[in-house]
Structures are given as C-alpha cells and as structure tokens.
Amino acid sequence: MAQSHHGISGREVQSGIIPMRDAQTNVIAMIAFADDADPSVFPENVPVRVPSINQVLSSAGVTGNLRKNLEIMALITNPTLIIVRVPTPFNGPIFTASKVIGTTTSAGRTGIQALLTAKSILGLIPKIIIAPDVESPDVVDGLAAVCKKLRAYSYVTPRDEDAVMLDTAEAVTAYRQTLSHREIEIIWPEFTSGNVFLGTDSGE
C-alpha cells in the first residue's frame, strides 16, 4: 500500500560537483500555545511530531490556538507536522513576543529556537514554519533567523507589536517595505469564510 506523501522532494547542491541530496519540503512546523494541553503529548518548548492530527486533538486543550489551528489544518491536509507548544504569550492585551521567539539557555532551546533541535530529536528538518496569531515584527524576525539556518520558509500574517493583524492594505504595504527577508511570505487578509473551498461565510 502506497504511503501518503504531502509536498514535494527537491534536490540541493551546496558547492562544487557533489552527489545531490534529497531536501524534503513537506515538513511543516507550527508554533502554538495552549496552557491546558496535555504536557505528556505536547511538552512546552519541545519539538513534537504529530503523526495524525485527529489522534492528538483531544490532547490539544481548548484554550489558546493549538487546537483551533490543528482543526483548520486537518480540513485541508495531513502533513508531516512538528509542533512546538510555547507558554501563552498573551496576558489580556499585553503580548510577550519573547515567549514565542525563545532563547538558548543551559537547559536547552525554547520557542522558535527549539526548532533547531528538531533534527536531533525527531530526525526531521522543518521546511515550512508558521506561528499563527502571533506574527509580530519581532516574531517575524525570529522566524526569519531560524528559517535561514534551516533553509526553510515562513508564511506570516502582518501584525503590529501587540500581534494585532493590520487592517488596511495601506498598512500592509508599508509593513512589507520593512521586510528584507527572502524567507518570509505575507498572507493577508486571513481567511474569514467558514469553508475555505466553497467561500461560505461562517455565519451562513
């Protein structure tokens, strides 16, 4: 029975005339948060491979955005998926970007930085990295830095310093002019329909 495969396989040549190696572009990594998620399934700041989205939904909690984004993804595809659960970065209207960006300490890497350990822990290198709902300018810079190291790509929704989505095309255009990272692709506006394929409104 053929195995399910999402994405494509490319080949990269680093330098000189050397045998070309496979580069999997089907591995997606998502930074998400949910304080009530099962820590045995989604430990904080640790890359976790999700073999089946439906199998882990019951462990994703109901707060934060982890379960919501897993459900959205399951409606579209079932990719090779890596999750890094971070502490909730919102305290009311206050957004703490450092909880998402992460750092490197004697105890290990946190936040987005934890994805640099995915190969040693999971044997996988993420090639598409997303951090839905929290893509403030500082977080985008953090995503770009890790993408450069992993030769990955990131799709982001343009947001302000408080992680509030920009609401006009003019603001998005001005924001785009501040970006200098080839690894970042803007998606705006976010999907607002209840069915992204049929285009029906969620209220219909």
N, C-alpha and C. Protein backbone atom coordinates (compact mmCIF):
# COMPACT_ATOMS: atom_id res chain seq x y z
N MET A 1 0.85 -1.20 0.00
CA MET A 1 0.00 0.00 0.00
C MET A 1 0.88 1.24 0.00
N ALA A 2 0.63 2.16 -0.92
CA ALA A 2 1.46 3.35 -1.02
C ALA A 2 1.31 4.23 0.21
N GLN A 3 2.41 4.84 0.64
CA GLN A 3 2.37 5.72 1.78
C GLN A 3 1.92 7.12 1.36
N SER A 4 1.15 7.77 2.24
CA SER A 4 0.71 9.13 1.96
C SER A 4 1.88 10.08 1.97
N HIS A 5 1.91 11.02 1.03
CA HIS A 5 3.02 11.96 0.96
C HIS A 5 2.47 13.34 0.65
N HIS A 6 2.84 14.32 1.48
CA HIS A 6 2.42 15.70 1.26
C HIS A 6 3.63 16.52 0.86
N GLY A 7 3.48 17.38 -0.15
CA GLY A 7 4.59 18.23 -0.57
C GLY A 7 5.42 17.58 -1.66
N ILE A 8 6.59 18.13 -1.90
CA ILE A 8 7.48 17.64 -2.95
C ILE A 8 8.86 17.41 -2.38
N SER A 9 9.67 16.67 -3.11
CA SER A 9 11.07 16.47 -2.74
C SER A 9 11.95 17.20 -3.74
N GLY A 10 12.82 18.06 -3.25
CA GLY A 10 13.75 18.76 -4.11
C GLY A 10 15.16 18.24 -3.91
N ARG A 11 16.07 18.68 -4.74
CA ARG A 11 17.46 18.31 -4.59
C ARG A 11 18.30 19.58 -4.53
N GLU A 12 19.23 19.63 -3.60
CA GLU A 12 20.06 20.81 -3.39
C GLU A 12 21.52 20.47 -3.62
N VAL A 13 22.25 21.38 -4.27
CA VAL A 13 23.70 21.26 -4.42
C VAL A 13 24.32 22.39 -3.61
N GLN A 14 25.10 22.06 -2.60
CA GLN A 14 25.70 23.06 -1.74
C GLN A 14 26.90 23.74 -2.40
N SER A 15 27.82 22.94 -2.93
CA SER A 15 29.00 23.52 -3.57
C SER A 15 29.70 22.46 -4.40
N GLY A 16 30.39 22.91 -5.46
CA GLY A 16 31.17 22.00 -6.28
C GLY A 16 30.32 20.95 -6.95
N ILE A 17 30.97 19.92 -7.41
CA ILE A 17 30.27 18.80 -8.05
C ILE A 17 30.19 17.68 -7.03
N ILE A 18 29.06 17.60 -6.38
CA ILE A 18 28.86 16.57 -5.36
C ILE A 18 27.53 15.88 -5.62
N PRO A 19 27.37 14.66 -5.11
CA PRO A 19 26.08 13.99 -5.28
C PRO A 19 24.97 14.83 -4.65
N MET A 20 23.89 15.00 -5.38
CA MET A 20 22.80 15.82 -4.88
C MET A 20 22.01 15.04 -3.84
N ARG A 21 21.56 15.75 -2.79
CA ARG A 21 20.82 15.10 -1.73
C ARG A 21 19.37 15.53 -1.74
N ASP A 22 18.51 14.66 -1.23
CA ASP A 22 17.10 14.99 -1.15
C ASP A 22 16.87 16.08 -0.10
N ALA A 23 15.95 16.99 -0.37
CA ALA A 23 15.55 18.01 0.59
C ALA A 23 14.03 17.97 0.70
N GLN A 24 13.52 17.43 1.79
CA GLN A 24 12.08 17.29 1.96
C GLN A 24 11.45 18.65 2.24
N THR A 25 10.47 19.03 1.42
CA THR A 25 9.78 20.30 1.62
C THR A 25 8.38 20.09 2.20
N ASN A 26 8.10 18.88 2.63
CA ASN A 26 6.75 18.57 3.11
C ASN A 26 6.64 18.62 4.62
N VAL A 27 7.70 19.01 5.33
CA VAL A 27 7.67 19.03 6.79
C VAL A 27 7.29 20.43 7.27
N ILE A 28 6.15 20.54 7.93
CA ILE A 28 5.65 21.81 8.44
C ILE A 28 5.87 21.86 9.95
N ALA A 29 6.34 22.99 10.44
CA ALA A 29 6.47 23.20 11.88
C ALA A 29 5.55 24.35 12.28
N MET A 30 4.85 24.15 13.39
CA MET A 30 3.93 25.18 13.88
C MET A 30 4.23 25.52 15.33
N ILE A 31 4.36 26.81 15.61
CA ILE A 31 4.48 27.30 16.97
C ILE A 31 3.07 27.64 17.44
N ALA A 32 2.65 27.07 18.56
CA ALA A 32 1.29 27.30 19.05
C ALA A 32 1.30 27.32 20.57
N PHE A 33 0.15 27.71 21.15
CA PHE A 33 0.07 27.79 22.61
C PHE A 33 -1.28 27.30 23.10
N ALA A 34 -1.26 26.66 24.25
CA ALA A 34 -2.47 26.17 24.92
C ALA A 34 -2.05 25.73 26.31
N ASP A 35 -2.37 26.50 27.31
CA ASP A 35 -1.94 26.19 28.67
C ASP A 35 -2.56 24.90 29.20
N ASP A 36 -3.71 24.50 28.65
CA ASP A 36 -4.37 23.29 29.15
C ASP A 36 -4.13 22.07 28.28
N ALA A 37 -3.16 22.14 27.37
CA ALA A 37 -2.82 20.97 26.56
C ALA A 37 -2.15 19.91 27.45
N ASP A 38 -2.27 18.66 27.03
CA ASP A 38 -1.66 17.55 27.77
C ASP A 38 -0.14 17.65 27.65
N PRO A 39 0.56 17.90 28.75
CA PRO A 39 2.02 18.07 28.67
C PRO A 39 2.76 16.80 28.30
N SER A 40 2.11 15.66 28.46
CA SER A 40 2.78 14.41 28.05
C SER A 40 2.77 14.24 26.53
N VAL A 41 1.83 14.91 25.87
CA VAL A 41 1.75 14.86 24.41
C VAL A 41 2.40 16.08 23.79
N PHE A 42 2.16 17.24 24.42
CA PHE A 42 2.72 18.49 23.93
C PHE A 42 3.51 19.19 25.04
N PRO A 43 4.69 18.70 25.36
CA PRO A 43 5.51 19.39 26.37
C PRO A 43 5.92 20.76 25.86
N GLU A 44 6.09 21.71 26.77
CA GLU A 44 6.45 23.06 26.36
C GLU A 44 7.87 23.10 25.81
N ASN A 45 8.01 23.86 24.72
CA ASN A 45 9.32 24.17 24.12
C ASN A 45 10.08 22.93 23.66
N VAL A 46 9.36 21.89 23.28
CA VAL A 46 9.98 20.67 22.76
C VAL A 46 9.33 20.33 21.42
N PRO A 47 10.11 20.14 20.36
CA PRO A 47 9.52 19.74 19.08
C PRO A 47 8.88 18.36 19.19
N VAL A 48 7.62 18.27 18.77
CA VAL A 48 6.87 17.02 18.83
C VAL A 48 6.33 16.70 17.45
N ARG A 49 6.57 15.49 16.99
CA ARG A 49 6.00 15.09 15.71
C ARG A 49 4.57 14.62 15.91
N VAL A 50 3.68 15.11 15.04
CA VAL A 50 2.27 14.72 15.09
C VAL A 50 2.01 13.78 13.91
N PRO A 51 1.90 12.47 14.17
CA PRO A 51 1.68 11.53 13.08
C PRO A 51 0.28 11.61 12.50
N SER A 52 -0.69 11.99 13.33
CA SER A 52 -2.07 12.11 12.88
C SER A 52 -2.73 13.23 13.68
N ILE A 53 -3.21 14.25 13.00
CA ILE A 53 -3.82 15.38 13.69
C ILE A 53 -5.04 14.95 14.49
N ASN A 54 -5.88 14.12 13.91
CA ASN A 54 -7.10 13.71 14.61
C ASN A 54 -6.81 12.95 15.90
N GLN A 55 -5.71 12.24 15.94
CA GLN A 55 -5.38 11.46 17.12
C GLN A 55 -4.94 12.32 18.30
N VAL A 56 -4.48 13.55 18.04
CA VAL A 56 -3.96 14.37 19.13
C VAL A 56 -4.89 15.53 19.50
N LEU A 57 -6.00 15.67 18.80
CA LEU A 57 -6.89 16.80 19.08
C LEU A 57 -7.38 16.81 20.52
N SER A 58 -7.67 15.63 21.06
CA SER A 58 -8.18 15.57 22.43
C SER A 58 -7.13 15.99 23.45
N SER A 59 -5.86 16.02 23.05
CA SER A 59 -4.77 16.41 23.95
C SER A 59 -4.34 17.86 23.76
N ALA A 60 -4.99 18.55 22.82
CA ALA A 60 -4.54 19.89 22.45
C ALA A 60 -5.14 21.00 23.31
N GLY A 61 -6.02 20.64 24.25
CA GLY A 61 -6.62 21.65 25.09
C GLY A 61 -7.68 22.44 24.35
N VAL A 62 -8.31 23.37 25.06
CA VAL A 62 -9.36 24.20 24.44
C VAL A 62 -9.04 25.69 24.56
N THR A 63 -8.01 26.03 25.30
CA THR A 63 -7.58 27.42 25.36
C THR A 63 -6.50 27.64 24.32
N GLY A 64 -6.08 28.89 24.16
CA GLY A 64 -5.01 29.16 23.21
C GLY A 64 -5.43 28.89 21.78
N ASN A 65 -4.44 28.64 20.92
CA ASN A 65 -4.74 28.46 19.49
C ASN A 65 -4.29 27.11 18.94
N LEU A 66 -3.79 26.23 19.79
CA LEU A 66 -3.27 24.95 19.30
C LEU A 66 -4.35 24.12 18.64
N ARG A 67 -5.43 23.85 19.36
CA ARG A 67 -6.48 23.00 18.80
C ARG A 67 -7.12 23.65 17.58
N LYS A 68 -7.40 24.94 17.67
CA LYS A 68 -8.03 25.65 16.56
C LYS A 68 -7.23 25.47 15.27
N ASN A 69 -5.93 25.68 15.34
CA ASN A 69 -5.11 25.61 14.14
C ASN A 69 -4.89 24.18 13.67
N LEU A 70 -4.88 23.23 14.58
CA LEU A 70 -4.83 21.82 14.17
C LEU A 70 -6.09 21.45 13.41
N GLU A 71 -7.24 21.90 13.88
CA GLU A 71 -8.50 21.59 13.21
C GLU A 71 -8.55 22.22 11.82
N ILE A 72 -8.07 23.46 11.71
CA ILE A 72 -8.04 24.11 10.39
C ILE A 72 -7.14 23.35 9.43
N MET A 73 -5.98 22.94 9.92
CA MET A 73 -5.03 22.22 9.08
C MET A 73 -5.61 20.88 8.65
N ALA A 74 -6.32 20.20 9.55
CA ALA A 74 -6.87 18.88 9.24
C ALA A 74 -7.92 18.97 8.15
N LEU A 75 -8.60 20.11 8.01
CA LEU A 75 -9.60 20.28 6.96
C LEU A 75 -8.96 20.38 5.58
N ILE A 76 -7.68 20.73 5.57
CA ILE A 76 -7.00 20.98 4.29
C ILE A 76 -6.07 19.85 3.89
N THR A 77 -5.28 19.35 4.85
CA THR A 77 -4.26 18.35 4.53
C THR A 77 -3.86 17.60 5.79
N ASN A 78 -3.02 16.61 5.64
CA ASN A 78 -2.49 15.88 6.78
C ASN A 78 -0.98 15.75 6.58
N PRO A 79 -0.25 16.83 6.84
CA PRO A 79 1.18 16.86 6.52
C PRO A 79 2.03 16.17 7.58
N THR A 80 3.31 16.05 7.26
CA THR A 80 4.28 15.72 8.30
C THR A 80 4.42 16.98 9.15
N LEU A 81 4.02 16.90 10.42
CA LEU A 81 3.84 18.10 11.23
C LEU A 81 4.66 18.04 12.51
N ILE A 82 5.33 19.15 12.80
CA ILE A 82 6.06 19.31 14.05
C ILE A 82 5.41 20.45 14.83
N ILE A 83 5.12 20.21 16.10
CA ILE A 83 4.52 21.23 16.95
C ILE A 83 5.51 21.60 18.06
N VAL A 84 5.67 22.90 18.28
CA VAL A 84 6.35 23.39 19.47
C VAL A 84 5.33 24.22 20.25
N ARG A 85 4.95 23.71 21.41
CA ARG A 85 4.00 24.45 22.24
C ARG A 85 4.77 25.40 23.16
N VAL A 86 4.39 26.65 23.12
CA VAL A 86 5.05 27.67 23.95
C VAL A 86 4.08 28.16 25.01
N PRO A 87 4.58 28.77 26.08
CA PRO A 87 3.68 29.36 27.07
C PRO A 87 2.82 30.44 26.42
N THR A 88 1.60 30.58 26.87
CA THR A 88 0.70 31.57 26.28
C THR A 88 1.34 32.96 26.34
N PRO A 89 1.51 33.60 25.18
CA PRO A 89 2.19 34.91 25.16
C PRO A 89 1.27 36.09 25.45
N PHE A 90 -0.03 35.81 25.62
CA PHE A 90 -0.98 36.90 25.86
C PHE A 90 -1.40 36.93 27.32
N ASN A 91 -1.36 38.12 27.88
CA ASN A 91 -1.91 38.38 29.21
C ASN A 91 -2.86 39.55 29.05
N GLY A 92 -4.12 39.25 28.70
CA GLY A 92 -5.04 40.29 28.31
C GLY A 92 -4.55 40.90 27.00
N PRO A 93 -4.47 42.23 26.94
CA PRO A 93 -3.99 42.86 25.70
C PRO A 93 -2.47 42.89 25.58
N ILE A 94 -1.77 42.45 26.61
CA ILE A 94 -0.31 42.50 26.61
C ILE A 94 0.25 41.26 25.92
N PHE A 95 1.07 41.48 24.92
CA PHE A 95 1.69 40.38 24.16
C PHE A 95 3.17 40.35 24.45
N THR A 96 3.67 39.17 24.84
CA THR A 96 5.09 38.99 25.15
C THR A 96 5.74 38.16 24.06
N ALA A 97 6.38 38.84 23.12
CA ALA A 97 6.96 38.16 21.95
C ALA A 97 8.06 37.20 22.33
N SER A 98 8.78 37.47 23.41
CA SER A 98 9.92 36.63 23.78
C SER A 98 9.52 35.19 24.08
N LYS A 99 8.26 34.98 24.51
CA LYS A 99 7.81 33.62 24.77
C LYS A 99 7.69 32.82 23.49
N VAL A 100 7.45 33.51 22.39
CA VAL A 100 7.36 32.85 21.09
C VAL A 100 8.73 32.72 20.45
N ILE A 101 9.49 33.80 20.48
CA ILE A 101 10.81 33.80 19.85
C ILE A 101 11.75 32.80 20.53
N GLY A 102 11.69 32.76 21.86
CA GLY A 102 12.52 31.82 22.60
C GLY A 102 13.96 32.27 22.71
N THR A 103 14.75 31.40 23.29
CA THR A 103 16.15 31.69 23.51
C THR A 103 16.91 30.38 23.69
N THR A 104 18.20 30.49 23.94
CA THR A 104 19.04 29.33 24.21
C THR A 104 19.60 29.47 25.62
N THR A 105 19.32 28.49 26.46
CA THR A 105 19.80 28.51 27.84
C THR A 105 20.56 27.22 28.13
N SER A 106 21.06 27.12 29.33
CA SER A 106 21.78 25.90 29.73
C SER A 106 20.83 24.70 29.76
N ALA A 107 19.53 24.98 29.89
CA ALA A 107 18.54 23.90 29.94
C ALA A 107 18.08 23.49 28.55
N GLY A 108 18.43 24.28 27.53
CA GLY A 108 18.02 23.95 26.17
C GLY A 108 17.45 25.15 25.45
N ARG A 109 16.87 24.91 24.30
CA ARG A 109 16.29 25.98 23.48
C ARG A 109 14.79 26.07 23.72
N THR A 110 14.25 27.27 23.56
CA THR A 110 12.82 27.48 23.75
C THR A 110 12.23 28.19 22.54
N GLY A 111 10.89 28.20 22.48
CA GLY A 111 10.19 28.92 21.43
C GLY A 111 10.60 28.47 20.04
N ILE A 112 10.68 29.44 19.13
CA ILE A 112 11.08 29.14 17.76
C ILE A 112 12.46 28.51 17.72
N GLN A 113 13.33 28.90 18.64
CA GLN A 113 14.69 28.35 18.67
C GLN A 113 14.69 26.84 18.85
N ALA A 114 13.64 26.31 19.49
CA ALA A 114 13.58 24.86 19.72
C ALA A 114 13.54 24.07 18.42
N LEU A 115 13.12 24.71 17.34
CA LEU A 115 13.08 24.01 16.05
C LEU A 115 14.47 23.65 15.55
N LEU A 116 15.48 24.30 16.06
CA LEU A 116 16.86 23.97 15.67
C LEU A 116 17.27 22.61 16.23
N THR A 117 16.49 22.08 17.16
CA THR A 117 16.80 20.76 17.73
C THR A 117 15.94 19.66 17.10
N ALA A 118 15.07 20.03 16.16
CA ALA A 118 14.14 19.04 15.59
C ALA A 118 14.87 17.88 14.91
N LYS A 119 15.97 18.18 14.24
CA LYS A 119 16.68 17.11 13.54
C LYS A 119 17.27 16.10 14.52
N SER A 120 17.87 16.60 15.61
CA SER A 120 18.48 15.69 16.57
C SER A 120 17.44 14.91 17.37
N ILE A 121 16.27 15.52 17.61
CA ILE A 121 15.24 14.87 18.41
C ILE A 121 14.35 13.98 17.56
N LEU A 122 13.95 14.48 16.38
CA LEU A 122 12.95 13.79 15.56
C LEU A 122 13.50 13.22 14.26
N GLY A 123 14.71 13.64 13.88
CA GLY A 123 15.23 13.23 12.59
C GLY A 123 14.59 13.95 11.43
N LEU A 124 13.95 15.10 11.71
CA LEU A 124 13.25 15.87 10.69
C LEU A 124 13.74 17.31 10.70
N ILE A 125 13.77 17.92 9.51
CA ILE A 125 14.10 19.34 9.39
C ILE A 125 12.88 20.05 8.83
N PRO A 126 12.26 20.94 9.60
CA PRO A 126 11.09 21.65 9.07
C PRO A 126 11.49 22.56 7.93
N LYS A 127 10.65 22.60 6.90
CA LYS A 127 10.92 23.44 5.74
C LYS A 127 9.88 24.54 5.58
N ILE A 128 8.74 24.40 6.23
CA ILE A 128 7.75 25.47 6.30
C ILE A 128 7.46 25.71 7.78
N ILE A 129 7.64 26.93 8.23
CA ILE A 129 7.47 27.25 9.65
C ILE A 129 6.40 28.32 9.79
N ILE A 130 5.42 28.08 10.65
CA ILE A 130 4.36 29.05 10.85
C ILE A 130 4.18 29.31 12.35
N ALA A 131 3.72 30.51 12.67
CA ALA A 131 3.42 30.89 14.05
C ALA A 131 2.11 31.67 14.03
N PRO A 132 1.00 30.99 13.76
CA PRO A 132 -0.27 31.69 13.58
C PRO A 132 -0.69 32.50 14.79
N ASP A 133 -1.27 33.66 14.54
CA ASP A 133 -1.86 34.55 15.54
C ASP A 133 -0.85 35.36 16.32
N VAL A 134 0.44 35.16 16.13
CA VAL A 134 1.44 35.86 16.96
C VAL A 134 2.57 36.48 16.14
N GLU A 135 2.34 36.73 14.86
CA GLU A 135 3.43 37.18 13.99
C GLU A 135 3.70 38.68 14.11
N SER A 136 4.10 39.11 15.28
CA SER A 136 4.52 40.49 15.47
C SER A 136 5.84 40.70 14.72
N PRO A 137 6.26 41.95 14.50
CA PRO A 137 7.53 42.17 13.80
C PRO A 137 8.72 41.45 14.44
N ASP A 138 8.79 41.44 15.77
CA ASP A 138 9.90 40.75 16.43
C ASP A 138 9.83 39.25 16.21
N VAL A 139 8.63 38.69 16.23
CA VAL A 139 8.47 37.26 15.99
C VAL A 139 8.85 36.92 14.55
N VAL A 140 8.47 37.77 13.61
CA VAL A 140 8.82 37.54 12.21
C VAL A 140 10.33 37.54 12.04
N ASP A 141 11.02 38.46 12.72
CA ASP A 141 12.48 38.45 12.66
C ASP A 141 13.04 37.14 13.23
N GLY A 142 12.42 36.65 14.31
CA GLY A 142 12.85 35.39 14.89
C GLY A 142 12.61 34.22 13.95
N LEU A 143 11.47 34.24 13.27
CA LEU A 143 11.18 33.20 12.28
C LEU A 143 12.20 33.23 11.15
N ALA A 144 12.49 34.42 10.66
CA ALA A 144 13.44 34.55 9.55
C ALA A 144 14.82 34.04 9.93
N ALA A 145 15.26 34.33 11.15
CA ALA A 145 16.59 33.90 11.59
C ALA A 145 16.69 32.38 11.61
N VAL A 146 15.65 31.71 12.12
CA VAL A 146 15.66 30.26 12.17
C VAL A 146 15.50 29.67 10.77
N CYS A 147 14.67 30.30 9.95
CA CYS A 147 14.50 29.82 8.57
C CYS A 147 15.82 29.85 7.81
N LYS A 148 16.60 30.89 8.03
CA LYS A 148 17.89 30.97 7.34
C LYS A 148 18.79 29.79 7.72
N LYS A 149 18.76 29.42 8.99
CA LYS A 149 19.61 28.32 9.46
C LYS A 149 19.11 26.97 8.95
N LEU A 150 17.80 26.83 8.79
CA LEU A 150 17.23 25.55 8.37
C LEU A 150 16.94 25.49 6.88
N ARG A 151 17.23 26.60 6.17
CA ARG A 151 16.88 26.69 4.75
C ARG A 151 15.38 26.44 4.58
N ALA A 152 14.62 27.12 5.40
CA ALA A 152 13.17 26.94 5.42
C ALA A 152 12.47 28.22 4.98
N TYR A 153 11.14 28.20 5.04
CA TYR A 153 10.32 29.31 4.58
C TYR A 153 9.21 29.53 5.58
N SER A 154 8.72 30.75 5.70
CA SER A 154 7.65 31.03 6.66
C SER A 154 6.58 31.90 6.02
N TYR A 155 5.34 31.54 6.27
CA TYR A 155 4.18 32.33 5.82
C TYR A 155 3.62 33.04 7.04
N VAL A 156 3.45 34.36 6.95
CA VAL A 156 3.01 35.13 8.10
C VAL A 156 1.87 36.06 7.73
N THR A 157 1.05 36.36 8.74
CA THR A 157 0.04 37.41 8.63
C THR A 157 0.64 38.67 9.25
N PRO A 158 0.67 39.79 8.53
CA PRO A 158 1.29 41.00 9.08
C PRO A 158 0.53 41.54 10.29
N ARG A 159 1.24 41.74 11.39
CA ARG A 159 0.65 42.21 12.63
C ARG A 159 1.51 43.31 13.23
N ASP A 160 0.94 44.03 14.19
CA ASP A 160 1.71 45.06 14.87
C ASP A 160 2.43 44.49 16.08
N GLU A 161 3.02 45.35 16.89
CA GLU A 161 3.82 44.89 18.02
C GLU A 161 2.99 44.14 19.07
N ASP A 162 1.68 44.36 19.07
CA ASP A 162 0.79 43.66 20.00
C ASP A 162 0.16 42.42 19.39
N ALA A 163 0.66 42.02 18.22
CA ALA A 163 0.17 40.84 17.49
C ALA A 163 -1.26 41.01 17.01
N VAL A 164 -1.65 42.25 16.75
CA VAL A 164 -2.97 42.54 16.17
C VAL A 164 -2.80 42.68 14.66
N MET A 165 -3.62 41.95 13.90
CA MET A 165 -3.47 41.95 12.46
C MET A 165 -3.70 43.34 11.87
N LEU A 166 -2.85 43.74 10.93
CA LEU A 166 -3.02 45.01 10.25
C LEU A 166 -4.31 44.97 9.44
N ASP A 167 -5.06 46.07 9.47
CA ASP A 167 -6.42 46.01 8.93
C ASP A 167 -6.63 46.75 7.63
N THR A 168 -5.59 47.35 7.06
CA THR A 168 -5.75 48.04 5.78
C THR A 168 -4.64 47.64 4.82
N ALA A 169 -4.95 47.73 3.54
CA ALA A 169 -3.97 47.40 2.53
C ALA A 169 -2.79 48.37 2.58
N GLU A 170 -3.07 49.62 2.92
CA GLU A 170 -2.00 50.62 3.01
C GLU A 170 -1.01 50.26 4.12
N ALA A 171 -1.54 49.82 5.27
CA ALA A 171 -0.68 49.44 6.38
C ALA A 171 0.16 48.21 6.03
N VAL A 172 -0.46 47.26 5.32
CA VAL A 172 0.26 46.05 4.92
C VAL A 172 1.36 46.39 3.92
N THR A 173 1.05 47.29 2.99
CA THR A 173 2.06 47.71 2.01
C THR A 173 3.26 48.36 2.69
N ALA A 174 2.97 49.25 3.66
CA ALA A 174 4.05 49.89 4.39
C ALA A 174 4.85 48.88 5.19
N TYR A 175 4.16 47.91 5.76
CA TYR A 175 4.82 46.85 6.53
C TYR A 175 5.74 46.03 5.62
N ARG A 176 5.25 45.72 4.44
CA ARG A 176 6.04 44.91 3.51
C ARG A 176 7.36 45.59 3.16
N GLN A 177 7.34 46.90 3.10
CA GLN A 177 8.57 47.62 2.75
C GLN A 177 9.64 47.51 3.83
N THR A 178 9.23 47.11 5.04
CA THR A 178 10.20 46.98 6.13
C THR A 178 10.86 45.61 6.16
N LEU A 179 10.33 44.68 5.39
CA LEU A 179 10.87 43.32 5.40
C LEU A 179 12.02 43.18 4.42
N SER A 180 13.06 42.50 4.83
CA SER A 180 14.20 42.26 3.94
C SER A 180 14.57 40.78 3.90
N HIS A 181 13.66 39.94 4.38
CA HIS A 181 13.95 38.51 4.47
C HIS A 181 13.30 37.77 3.30
N ARG A 182 14.10 37.10 2.51
CA ARG A 182 13.55 36.32 1.40
C ARG A 182 12.79 35.09 1.89
N GLU A 183 12.99 34.73 3.15
CA GLU A 183 12.34 33.53 3.71
C GLU A 183 10.92 33.80 4.19
N ILE A 184 10.46 35.05 4.15
CA ILE A 184 9.15 35.41 4.68
C ILE A 184 8.18 35.74 3.55
N GLU A 185 7.00 35.13 3.61
CA GLU A 185 5.93 35.40 2.64
C GLU A 185 4.70 35.87 3.40
N ILE A 186 4.15 37.01 2.98
CA ILE A 186 2.98 37.58 3.65
C ILE A 186 1.70 36.98 3.09
N ILE A 187 0.78 36.65 3.98
CA ILE A 187 -0.58 36.27 3.60
C ILE A 187 -1.53 37.23 4.29
N TRP A 188 -2.32 37.96 3.49
CA TRP A 188 -3.26 38.93 4.06
C TRP A 188 -4.40 39.17 3.07
N PRO A 189 -5.63 39.30 3.51
CA PRO A 189 -6.07 39.10 4.90
C PRO A 189 -6.16 37.62 5.23
N GLU A 190 -6.43 37.29 6.50
CA GLU A 190 -6.64 35.91 6.87
C GLU A 190 -7.95 35.42 6.29
N PHE A 191 -8.10 34.08 6.20
CA PHE A 191 -9.36 33.51 5.76
C PHE A 191 -10.46 33.89 6.74
N THR A 192 -11.60 34.34 6.22
CA THR A 192 -12.72 34.69 7.08
C THR A 192 -13.95 33.84 6.81
N SER A 193 -13.87 32.97 5.82
CA SER A 193 -15.04 32.16 5.48
C SER A 193 -15.09 30.90 6.33
N GLY A 194 -16.29 30.36 6.49
CA GLY A 194 -16.45 29.13 7.23
C GLY A 194 -15.96 27.94 6.43
N ASN A 195 -15.95 28.05 5.11
CA ASN A 195 -15.48 26.98 4.25
C ASN A 195 -14.52 27.60 3.24
N VAL A 196 -13.24 27.32 3.39
CA VAL A 196 -12.26 27.99 2.54
C VAL A 196 -12.34 27.52 1.10
N PHE A 197 -13.03 26.42 0.85
CA PHE A 197 -13.15 25.93 -0.51
C PHE A 197 -14.40 26.48 -1.20
N LEU A 198 -15.51 26.53 -0.48
CA LEU A 198 -16.76 26.99 -1.06
C LEU A 198 -16.96 28.48 -0.87
N GLY A 199 -16.21 29.09 0.07
CA GLY A 199 -16.31 30.52 0.28
C GLY A 199 -17.53 30.95 1.04
N THR A 200 -18.15 30.04 1.79
CA THR A 200 -19.34 30.43 2.55
C THR A 200 -18.91 31.11 3.83
N ASP A 201 -19.66 32.13 4.25
CA ASP A 201 -19.37 32.82 5.49
C ASP A 201 -19.69 31.93 6.67
N SER A 202 -18.92 32.11 7.76
CA SER A 202 -19.13 31.28 8.95
C SER A 202 -20.51 31.49 9.55
N GLY A 203 -21.13 32.65 9.27
CA GLY A 203 -22.45 32.91 9.82
C GLY A 203 -23.58 32.34 8.98
N GLU A 204 -23.27 31.80 7.82
CA GLU A 204 -24.32 31.27 6.95
C GLU A 204 -24.64 29.83 7.30
